Amino acid sequence: MNYEVTNYMRKIAIYGKGGIGKSTTVSNVAVALSRKGYKVMQIGCDPKADSTMALRKDKEIKTVLDLIREKKNDFDHTDMVTVGAEGVLCVEAGGPTPGVGCAGRGIIAALDKLKEKGAYEIYKPDIVLYDVLGDVVCGGFSMPMHAGYADCVYIVTSGENMAIHAAANIAMAIDNFRSRGYASLGGLILNHRDVKNERQKVEELASDFNTQIIGELTRSETVSLAEELGKTVMEAFPDSDMAREYEALADKLIGY
């Protein structure tokens, strides 16, 4: 398959509850897209600042909120962006001091500072992936849905009740924002946990919000083995079935 890399910057937000495998999914997709010839920027929008961990290996990264706390405005784009595996540009929003301030503030600060410091214009990514915690969809956590940030939102879920509940809340928020011209719901990504009637449950959720399952990921030990190595599946096991699944999902996200 031939891939055409254009000057258009595709911006994709991927939401899901904590622990659903969202960051693992985003990081593997980022590597898959990079290998297809795209310049990819991954922005971690979680206060834990662990979205890009598998991409960075032992490279330290300063979160945008840490930089603001320590240096006020005396820093530039190179302080915010770290080049990770396969050239993926890694950014972590970070969060407030535990117990102080709003966790969503880091997301707002990161997105504002990336614009202010001209990071998008300087690095010129073809694809920006926002990895967003979806346990709550308010304040800063809804920021990537806003007009001018993501073009499309995808939700990672399993058939587990808490994951379904979180996914429904995210989909509802997207639906409520639709009248404001915000990002639309592109579909659901089913990350299998092998629970009873799993696909049926997620299909019902998709039907409730007039969307579809655009990709499926098998529950596989390969993912755990790669994480133990501190790598993505795409790097650690490039010839595995799971690597093929991430490549297929990457194709779906960019419209192939």
C-alpha atoms as a PDB file:
ATOM      1  CA  MET A   1       0.000   0.000   0.000  1.00  0.00           C
ATOM      2  CA  ASN A   2       1.332   3.462  -0.878  1.00  0.00           C
ATOM      3  CA  TYR A   3       0.958   6.237   1.689  1.00  0.00           C
ATOM      4  CA  GLU A   4       0.784   9.867   0.710  1.00  0.00           C
ATOM      5  CA  VAL A   5       2.259  12.215   3.312  1.00  0.00           C
ATOM      6  CA  THR A   6       0.762  15.688   2.896  1.00  0.00           C
ATOM      7  CA  ASN A   7       1.270  19.073   4.515  1.00  0.00           C
ATOM      8  CA  TYR A   8      -2.103  18.747   6.255  1.00  0.00           C
ATOM      9  CA  MET A   9      -1.735  18.125  10.000  1.00  0.00           C
ATOM     10  CA  ARG A  10      -4.147  15.410  11.134  1.00  0.00           C
ATOM     11  CA  LYS A  11      -5.043  15.771  14.828  1.00  0.00           C
ATOM     12  CA  ILE A  12      -6.489  12.760  16.622  1.00  0.00           C
ATOM     13  CA  ALA A  13      -7.542  12.499  20.275  1.00  0.00           C
ATOM     14  CA  ILE A  14      -7.731   9.056  21.825  1.00  0.00           C
ATOM     15  CA  TYR A  15      -9.681   8.816  25.077  1.00  0.00           C
ATOM     16  CA  GLY A  16     -10.349   5.981  27.511  1.00  0.00           C
ATOM     17  CA  LYS A  17     -10.536   5.213  31.204  1.00  0.00           C
ATOM     18  CA  GLY A  18      -7.350   4.708  33.177  1.00  0.00           C
ATOM     19  CA  GLY A  19      -5.883   1.221  32.807  1.00  0.00           C
ATOM     20  CA  ILE A  20      -7.718   0.379  29.584  1.00  0.00           C
ATOM     21  CA  GLY A  21      -4.482   0.182  27.558  1.00  0.00           C
ATOM     22  CA  LYS A  22      -4.911   3.548  25.901  1.00  0.00           C
ATOM     23  CA  SER A  23      -1.307   4.747  26.179  1.00  0.00           C
ATOM     24  CA  THR A  24       0.017   1.389  24.996  1.00  0.00           C
ATOM     25  CA  THR A  25      -2.327   1.604  22.025  1.00  0.00           C
ATOM     26  CA  VAL A  26      -1.389   5.194  21.183  1.00  0.00           C
ATOM     27  CA  SER A  27       2.367   4.558  21.440  1.00  0.00           C
ATOM     28  CA  ASN A  28       2.210   1.502  19.179  1.00  0.00           C
ATOM     29  CA  VAL A  29       0.052   3.357  16.671  1.00  0.00           C
ATOM     30  CA  ALA A  30       2.529   6.265  16.769  1.00  0.00           C
ATOM     31  CA  VAL A  31       5.410   3.949  15.860  1.00  0.00           C
ATOM     32  CA  ALA A  32       3.331   2.240  13.165  1.00  0.00           C
ATOM     33  CA  LEU A  33       2.489   5.607  11.596  1.00  0.00           C
ATOM     34  CA  SER A  34       6.084   6.785  11.817  1.00  0.00           C
ATOM     35  CA  ARG A  35       7.201   3.664   9.954  1.00  0.00           C
ATOM     36  CA  LYS A  36       4.718   4.503   7.217  1.00  0.00           C
ATOM     37  CA  GLY A  37       6.598   7.760   6.657  1.00  0.00           C
ATOM     38  CA  TYR A  38       4.585  10.182   8.770  1.00  0.00           C
ATOM     39  CA  LYS A  39       6.085  12.611  11.255  1.00  0.00           C
ATOM     40  CA  VAL A  40       4.150  11.921  14.454  1.00  0.00           C
ATOM     41  CA  MET A  41       3.802  13.933  17.657  1.00  0.00           C
ATOM     42  CA  GLN A  42       2.321  12.193  20.710  1.00  0.00           C
ATOM     43  CA  ILE A  43       1.007  14.433  23.486  1.00  0.00           C
ATOM     44  CA  GLY A  44       0.334  12.756  26.813  1.00  0.00           C
ATOM     45  CA  CYS A  45      -2.615  14.436  28.513  1.00  0.00           C
ATOM     46  CA  ASP A  46      -2.493  12.553  31.813  1.00  0.00           C
ATOM     47  CA  PRO A  47      -1.155  14.001  35.087  1.00  0.00           C
ATOM     48  CA  LYS A  48       0.944  10.828  35.563  1.00  0.00           C
ATOM     49  CA  ALA A  49       3.011  11.837  32.501  1.00  0.00           C
ATOM     50  CA  ASP A  50       3.536   8.223  31.445  1.00  0.00           C
ATOM     51  CA  SER A  51       1.978   8.237  27.969  1.00  0.00           C
ATOM     52  CA  THR A  52       5.277   8.269  26.069  1.00  0.00           C
ATOM     53  CA  MET A  53       7.297   6.118  28.479  1.00  0.00           C
ATOM     54  CA  ALA A  54       7.714   3.189  26.075  1.00  0.00           C
ATOM     55  CA  LEU A  55       8.856   5.569  23.340  1.00  0.00           C
ATOM     56  CA  ARG A  56      11.394   7.429  25.446  1.00  0.00           C
ATOM     57  CA  LYS A  57      13.056   4.437  27.137  1.00  0.00           C
ATOM     58  CA  ASP A  58      15.553   5.980  29.586  1.00  0.00           C
ATOM     59  CA  LYS A  59      15.344   9.503  28.213  1.00  0.00           C
ATOM     60  CA  GLU A  60      14.127  11.954  30.834  1.00  0.00           C
ATOM     61  CA  ILE A  61      11.369  14.341  29.909  1.00  0.00           C
ATOM     62  CA  LYS A  62      10.234  17.551  31.537  1.00  0.00           C
ATOM     63  CA  THR A  63       6.489  17.966  31.534  1.00  0.00           C
ATOM     64  CA  VAL A  64       5.155  21.265  30.272  1.00  0.00           C
ATOM     65  CA  LEU A  65       3.696  22.051  33.680  1.00  0.00           C
ATOM     66  CA  ASP A  66       7.073  21.336  35.345  1.00  0.00           C
ATOM     67  CA  LEU A  67       8.749  23.720  32.915  1.00  0.00           C
ATOM     68  CA  ILE A  68       6.218  26.444  33.661  1.00  0.00           C
ATOM     69  CA  ARG A  69       6.688  25.944  37.417  1.00  0.00           C
ATOM     70  CA  GLU A  70      10.485  25.946  37.221  1.00  0.00           C
ATOM     71  CA  LYS A  71      11.204  28.403  34.410  1.00  0.00           C
ATOM     72  CA  LYS A  72       8.036  30.497  34.119  1.00  0.00           C
ATOM     73  CA  ASN A  73       8.196  31.318  30.412  1.00  0.00           C
ATOM     74  CA  ASP A  74      11.967  31.057  29.996  1.00  0.00           C
ATOM     75  CA  PHE A  75      12.081  27.940  27.823  1.00  0.00           C
ATOM     76  CA  ASP A  76      11.495  27.004  24.196  1.00  0.00           C
ATOM     77  CA  HIS A  77      10.057  24.187  22.098  1.00  0.00           C
ATOM     78  CA  THR A  78      13.150  21.985  22.506  1.00  0.00           C
ATOM     79  CA  ASP A  79      12.542  21.799  26.264  1.00  0.00           C
ATOM     80  CA  MET A  80       8.987  20.527  25.726  1.00  0.00           C
ATOM     81  CA  VAL A  81       9.612  18.008  22.951  1.00  0.00           C
ATOM     82  CA  THR A  82      11.727  14.840  23.212  1.00  0.00           C
ATOM     83  CA  VAL A  83      12.468  12.675  20.183  1.00  0.00           C
ATOM     84  CA  GLY A  84      11.561   9.064  20.955  1.00  0.00           C
ATOM     85  CA  ALA A  85      11.528   5.733  19.150  1.00  0.00           C
ATOM     86  CA  GLU A  86      11.241   5.896  15.357  1.00  0.00           C
ATOM     87  CA  GLY A  87      11.451   9.694  15.564  1.00  0.00           C
ATOM     88  CA  VAL A  88       8.105  10.099  17.371  1.00  0.00           C
ATOM     89  CA  LEU A  89       7.968  13.551  18.990  1.00  0.00           C
ATOM     90  CA  CYS A  90       7.039  13.091  22.660  1.00  0.00           C
ATOM     91  CA  VAL A  91       5.313  15.695  24.835  1.00  0.00           C
ATOM     92  CA  GLU A  92       3.895  15.249  28.347  1.00  0.00           C
ATOM     93  CA  ALA A  93       1.474  17.811  29.765  1.00  0.00           C
ATOM     94  CA  GLY A  94       2.020  16.764  33.374  1.00  0.00           C
ATOM     95  CA  GLY A  95      -0.089  17.720  36.345  1.00  0.00           C
ATOM     96  CA  PRO A  96      -0.163  19.883  39.468  1.00  0.00           C
ATOM     97  CA  THR A  97       1.550  19.150  42.759  1.00  0.00           C
ATOM     98  CA  PRO A  98      -0.453  16.270  44.305  1.00  0.00           C
ATOM     99  CA  GLY A  99      -3.366  17.621  46.332  1.00  0.00           C
ATOM    100  CA  VAL A 100      -3.008  21.121  44.896  1.00  0.00           C
ATOM    101  CA  GLY A 101      -4.737  22.558  41.844  1.00  0.00           C
ATOM    102  CA  CYS A 102      -6.719  21.098  38.964  1.00  0.00           C
ATOM    103  CA  ALA A 103      -5.408  18.032  37.137  1.00  0.00           C
ATOM    104  CA  GLY A 104      -6.783  19.363  33.860  1.00  0.00           C
ATOM    105  CA  ARG A 105      -4.649  22.492  34.107  1.00  0.00           C
ATOM    106  CA  GLY A 106      -1.603  20.703  32.704  1.00  0.00           C
ATOM    107  CA  ILE A 107      -3.454  19.879  29.503  1.00  0.00           C
ATOM    108  CA  ILE A 108      -4.571  23.464  28.967  1.00  0.00           C
ATOM    109  CA  ALA A 109      -1.069  24.757  29.754  1.00  0.00           C
ATOM    110  CA  ALA A 110       0.599  22.235  27.442  1.00  0.00           C
ATOM    111  CA  LEU A 111      -1.603  22.906  24.444  1.00  0.00           C
ATOM    112  CA  ASP A 112      -1.377  26.674  24.929  1.00  0.00           C
ATOM    113  CA  LYS A 113       2.418  26.584  25.303  1.00  0.00           C
ATOM    114  CA  LEU A 114       2.951  24.337  22.294  1.00  0.00           C
ATOM    115  CA  LYS A 115       1.086  26.898  20.214  1.00  0.00           C
ATOM    116  CA  GLU A 116       2.754  29.880  21.850  1.00  0.00           C
ATOM    117  CA  LYS A 117       6.267  28.476  21.330  1.00  0.00           C
ATOM    118  CA  GLY A 118       5.531  27.560  17.712  1.00  0.00           C
ATOM    119  CA  ALA A 119       6.161  23.837  18.172  1.00  0.00           C
ATOM    120  CA  TYR A 120       3.691  22.775  15.491  1.00  0.00           C
ATOM    121  CA  GLU A 121       5.167  25.166  12.943  1.00  0.00           C
ATOM    122  CA  ILE A 122       8.752  24.211  13.784  1.00  0.00           C
ATOM    123  CA  TYR A 123       8.377  20.409  13.899  1.00  0.00           C
ATOM    124  CA  LYS A 124       5.620  20.262  11.269  1.00  0.00           C
ATOM    125  CA  PRO A 125       4.091  16.931  12.358  1.00  0.00           C
ATOM    126  CA  ASP A 126       1.825  15.208   9.857  1.00  0.00           C
ATOM    127  CA  ILE A 127      -0.143  13.586  12.679  1.00  0.00           C
ATOM    128  CA  VAL A 128      -0.693  14.691  16.277  1.00  0.00           C
ATOM    129  CA  LEU A 129      -1.978  12.057  18.700  1.00  0.00           C
ATOM    130  CA  TYR A 130      -3.477  13.284  21.983  1.00  0.00           C
ATOM    131  CA  ASP A 131      -3.535  10.547  24.628  1.00  0.00           C
ATOM    132  CA  VAL A 132      -6.256  11.677  27.039  1.00  0.00           C
ATOM    133  CA  LEU A 133      -7.440  10.194  30.330  1.00  0.00           C
ATOM    134  CA  GLY A 134     -11.199   9.740  30.053  1.00  0.00           C
ATOM    135  CA  ASP A 135     -12.326   9.002  33.594  1.00  0.00           C
ATOM    136  CA  VAL A 136     -13.573  12.587  33.707  1.00  0.00           C
ATOM    137  CA  VAL A 137     -14.458  14.745  30.703  1.00  0.00           C
ATOM    138  CA  CYS A 138     -14.459  18.289  32.030  1.00  0.00           C
ATOM    139  CA  GLY A 139     -12.164  21.295  32.160  1.00  0.00           C
ATOM    140  CA  GLY A 140      -8.739  20.540  30.759  1.00  0.00           C
ATOM    141  CA  PHE A 141      -9.603  16.940  29.966  1.00  0.00           C
ATOM    142  CA  SER A 142     -12.130  18.113  27.386  1.00  0.00           C
ATOM    143  CA  MET A 143      -9.604  20.548  25.851  1.00  0.00           C
ATOM    144  CA  PRO A 144      -8.437  18.234  23.017  1.00  0.00           C
ATOM    145  CA  MET A 145     -12.061  18.008  21.844  1.00  0.00           C
ATOM    146  CA  HIS A 146     -12.244  21.773  21.385  1.00  0.00           C
ATOM    147  CA  ALA A 147     -12.314  23.359  17.947  1.00  0.00           C
ATOM    148  CA  GLY A 148      -8.807  23.837  16.585  1.00  0.00           C
ATOM    149  CA  TYR A 149      -7.243  20.954  18.493  1.00  0.00           C
ATOM    150  CA  ALA A 150      -8.369  17.441  17.516  1.00  0.00           C
ATOM    151  CA  ASP A 151     -10.215  16.792  14.270  1.00  0.00           C
ATOM    152  CA  CYS A 152     -11.566  13.484  15.472  1.00  0.00           C
ATOM    153  CA  VAL A 153     -11.909  11.540  18.739  1.00  0.00           C
ATOM    154  CA  TYR A 154     -11.626   7.781  19.191  1.00  0.00           C
ATOM    155  CA  ILE A 155     -12.445   5.922  22.398  1.00  0.00           C
ATOM    156  CA  VAL A 156     -10.586   2.850  23.658  1.00  0.00           C
ATOM    157  CA  THR A 157     -12.825   0.483  25.602  1.00  0.00           C
ATOM    158  CA  SER A 158     -13.271  -3.140  26.563  1.00  0.00           C
ATOM    159  CA  GLY A 159     -16.483  -4.938  27.451  1.00  0.00           C
ATOM    160  CA  GLU A 160     -15.913  -4.411  31.172  1.00  0.00           C
ATOM    161  CA  ASN A 161     -18.663  -2.421  32.865  1.00  0.00           C
ATOM    162  CA  MET A 162     -16.440   0.436  34.095  1.00  0.00           C
ATOM    163  CA  ALA A 163     -14.804   0.793  30.690  1.00  0.00           C
ATOM    164  CA  ILE A 164     -18.205   0.844  28.970  1.00  0.00           C
ATOM    165  CA  HIS A 165     -19.472   3.432  31.467  1.00  0.00           C
ATOM    166  CA  ALA A 166     -16.444   5.692  30.911  1.00  0.00           C
ATOM    167  CA  ALA A 167     -16.692   5.310  27.136  1.00  0.00           C
ATOM    168  CA  ALA A 168     -20.380   6.265  27.233  1.00  0.00           C
ATOM    169  CA  ASN A 169     -19.571   9.401  29.240  1.00  0.00           C
ATOM    170  CA  ILE A 170     -16.891  10.408  26.760  1.00  0.00           C
ATOM    171  CA  ALA A 171     -19.196   9.784  23.801  1.00  0.00           C
ATOM    172  CA  MET A 172     -21.921  11.824  25.502  1.00  0.00           C
ATOM    173  CA  ALA A 173     -19.526  14.726  25.997  1.00  0.00           C
ATOM    174  CA  ILE A 174     -18.536  14.621  22.329  1.00  0.00           C
ATOM    175  CA  ASP A 175     -22.201  14.592  21.366  1.00  0.00           C
ATOM    176  CA  ASN A 176     -22.921  17.578  23.622  1.00  0.00           C
ATOM    177  CA  PHE A 177     -20.032  19.552  22.109  1.00  0.00           C
ATOM    178  CA  ARG A 178     -21.082  18.802  18.528  1.00  0.00           C
ATOM    179  CA  SER A 179     -23.125  21.991  18.170  1.00  0.00           C
ATOM    180  CA  ARG A 180     -20.010  24.058  18.958  1.00  0.00           C
ATOM    181  CA  GLY A 181     -18.056  22.665  16.032  1.00  0.00           C
ATOM    182  CA  TYR A 182     -15.771  20.551  18.217  1.00  0.00           C
ATOM    183  CA  ALA A 183     -14.129  17.274  17.199  1.00  0.00           C
ATOM    184  CA  SER A 184     -16.432  14.470  16.134  1.00  0.00           C
ATOM    185  CA  LEU A 185     -16.510  10.858  17.327  1.00  0.00           C
ATOM    186  CA  GLY A 186     -14.638   8.699  14.842  1.00  0.00           C
ATOM    187  CA  GLY A 187     -15.412   5.358  16.452  1.00  0.00           C
ATOM    188  CA  LEU A 188     -14.546   2.878  19.189  1.00  0.00           C
ATOM    189  CA  ILE A 189     -11.398   0.800  19.580  1.00  0.00           C
ATOM    190  CA  LEU A 190     -12.152  -2.526  21.253  1.00  0.00           C
ATOM    191  CA  ASN A 191      -9.238  -3.609  23.435  1.00  0.00           C
ATOM    192  CA  HIS A 192     -10.318  -7.113  24.355  1.00  0.00           C
ATOM    193  CA  ARG A 193     -10.338  -8.291  27.979  1.00  0.00           C
ATOM    194  CA  ASP A 194     -12.144 -11.519  27.082  1.00  0.00           C
ATOM    195  CA  VAL A 195     -15.191 -10.839  29.258  1.00  0.00           C
ATOM    196  CA  LYS A 196     -18.526 -12.456  28.523  1.00  0.00           C
ATOM    197  CA  ASN A 197     -20.410 -11.039  25.504  1.00  0.00           C
ATOM    198  CA  GLU A 198     -17.672  -8.447  25.092  1.00  0.00           C
ATOM    199  CA  ARG A 199     -18.111  -7.622  21.427  1.00  0.00           C
ATOM    200  CA  GLN A 200     -21.895  -7.523  21.768  1.00  0.00           C
ATOM    201  CA  LYS A 201     -21.646  -5.000  24.633  1.00  0.00           C
ATOM    202  CA  VAL A 202     -19.313  -2.715  22.688  1.00  0.00           C
ATOM    203  CA  GLU A 203     -21.432  -3.023  19.547  1.00  0.00           C
ATOM    204  CA  GLU A 204     -24.454  -1.916  21.581  1.00  0.00           C
ATOM    205  CA  LEU A 205     -22.504   1.065  22.875  1.00  0.00           C
ATOM    206  CA  ALA A 206     -21.483   1.963  19.318  1.00  0.00           C
ATOM    207  CA  SER A 207     -25.101   1.716  18.204  1.00  0.00           C
ATOM    208  CA  ASP A 208     -26.245   3.988  21.036  1.00  0.00           C
ATOM    209  CA  PHE A 209     -23.999   6.754  19.697  1.00  0.00           C
ATOM    210  CA  ASN A 210     -24.413   6.081  15.967  1.00  0.00           C
ATOM    211  CA  THR A 211     -20.804   5.031  15.543  1.00  0.00           C
ATOM    212  CA  GLN A 212     -18.844   1.829  14.943  1.00  0.00           C
ATOM    213  CA  ILE A 213     -15.980  -0.318  16.156  1.00  0.00           C
ATOM    214  CA  ILE A 214     -13.133   0.799  13.906  1.00  0.00           C
ATOM    215  CA  GLY A 215     -10.471  -1.532  15.289  1.00  0.00           C
ATOM    216  CA  GLU A 216      -9.942  -4.469  17.619  1.00  0.00           C
ATOM    217  CA  LEU A 217      -6.928  -5.498  19.674  1.00  0.00           C
ATOM    218  CA  THR A 218      -6.511  -9.036  20.973  1.00  0.00           C
ATOM    219  CA  ARG A 219      -5.695  -9.709  24.613  1.00  0.00           C
ATOM    220  CA  SER A 220      -2.118 -10.915  24.211  1.00  0.00           C
ATOM    221  CA  GLU A 221       0.899 -11.701  26.357  1.00  0.00           C
ATOM    222  CA  THR A 222       3.015 -10.044  23.653  1.00  0.00           C
ATOM    223  CA  VAL A 223       1.923  -6.634  24.973  1.00  0.00           C
ATOM    224  CA  SER A 224       3.042  -7.470  28.528  1.00  0.00           C
ATOM    225  CA  LEU A 225       6.364  -8.871  27.297  1.00  0.00           C
ATOM    226  CA  ALA A 226       7.058  -5.682  25.339  1.00  0.00           C
ATOM    227  CA  GLU A 227       6.200  -3.542  28.367  1.00  0.00           C
ATOM    228  CA  GLU A 228       8.641  -5.554  30.489  1.00  0.00           C
ATOM    229  CA  LEU A 229      11.322  -4.671  27.942  1.00  0.00           C
ATOM    230  CA  GLY A 230      10.317  -1.005  28.127  1.00  0.00           C
ATOM    231  CA  LYS A 231       9.416  -0.976  24.449  1.00  0.00           C
ATOM    232  CA  THR A 232       6.386  -0.867  22.207  1.00  0.00           C
ATOM    233  CA  VAL A 233       5.242  -4.098  20.576  1.00  0.00           C
ATOM    234  CA  MET A 234       6.133  -2.514  17.240  1.00  0.00           C
ATOM    235  CA  GLU A 235       9.785  -2.345  18.296  1.00  0.00           C
ATOM    236  CA  ALA A 236      10.122  -5.443  20.470  1.00  0.00           C
ATOM    237  CA  PHE A 237       8.105  -7.852  18.328  1.00  0.00           C
ATOM    238  CA  PRO A 238       7.750  -6.262  14.874  1.00  0.00           C
ATOM    239  CA  ASP A 239       6.774  -9.540  13.189  1.00  0.00           C
ATOM    240  CA  SER A 240       4.113 -10.503  15.737  1.00  0.00           C
ATOM    241  CA  ASP A 241       0.360 -10.741  15.191  1.00  0.00           C
ATOM    242  CA  MET A 242      -0.082  -7.855  17.643  1.00  0.00           C
ATOM    243  CA  ALA A 243       2.191  -5.639  15.563  1.00  0.00           C
ATOM    244  CA  ARG A 244      -0.045  -6.373  12.563  1.00  0.00           C
ATOM    245  CA  GLU A 245      -3.100  -5.383  14.629  1.00  0.00           C
ATOM    246  CA  TYR A 246      -1.542  -2.034  15.574  1.00  0.00           C
ATOM    247  CA  GLU A 247      -0.606  -1.425  11.934  1.00  0.00           C
ATOM    248  CA  ALA A 248      -4.177  -2.162  10.863  1.00  0.00           C
ATOM    249  CA  LEU A 249      -5.506   0.215  13.515  1.00  0.00           C
ATOM    250  CA  ALA A 250      -3.092   2.924  12.368  1.00  0.00           C
ATOM    251  CA  ASP A 251      -4.463   2.563   8.842  1.00  0.00           C
ATOM    252  CA  LYS A 252      -8.020   2.943  10.137  1.00  0.00           C
ATOM    253  CA  LEU A 253      -7.187   6.076  12.124  1.00  0.00           C
ATOM    254  CA  ILE A 254      -5.815   7.874   9.095  1.00  0.00           C
ATOM    255  CA  GLY A 255      -8.563   6.724   6.764  1.00  0.00           C
ATOM    256  CA  TYR A 256      -7.066   3.810   4.799  1.00  0.00           C
END
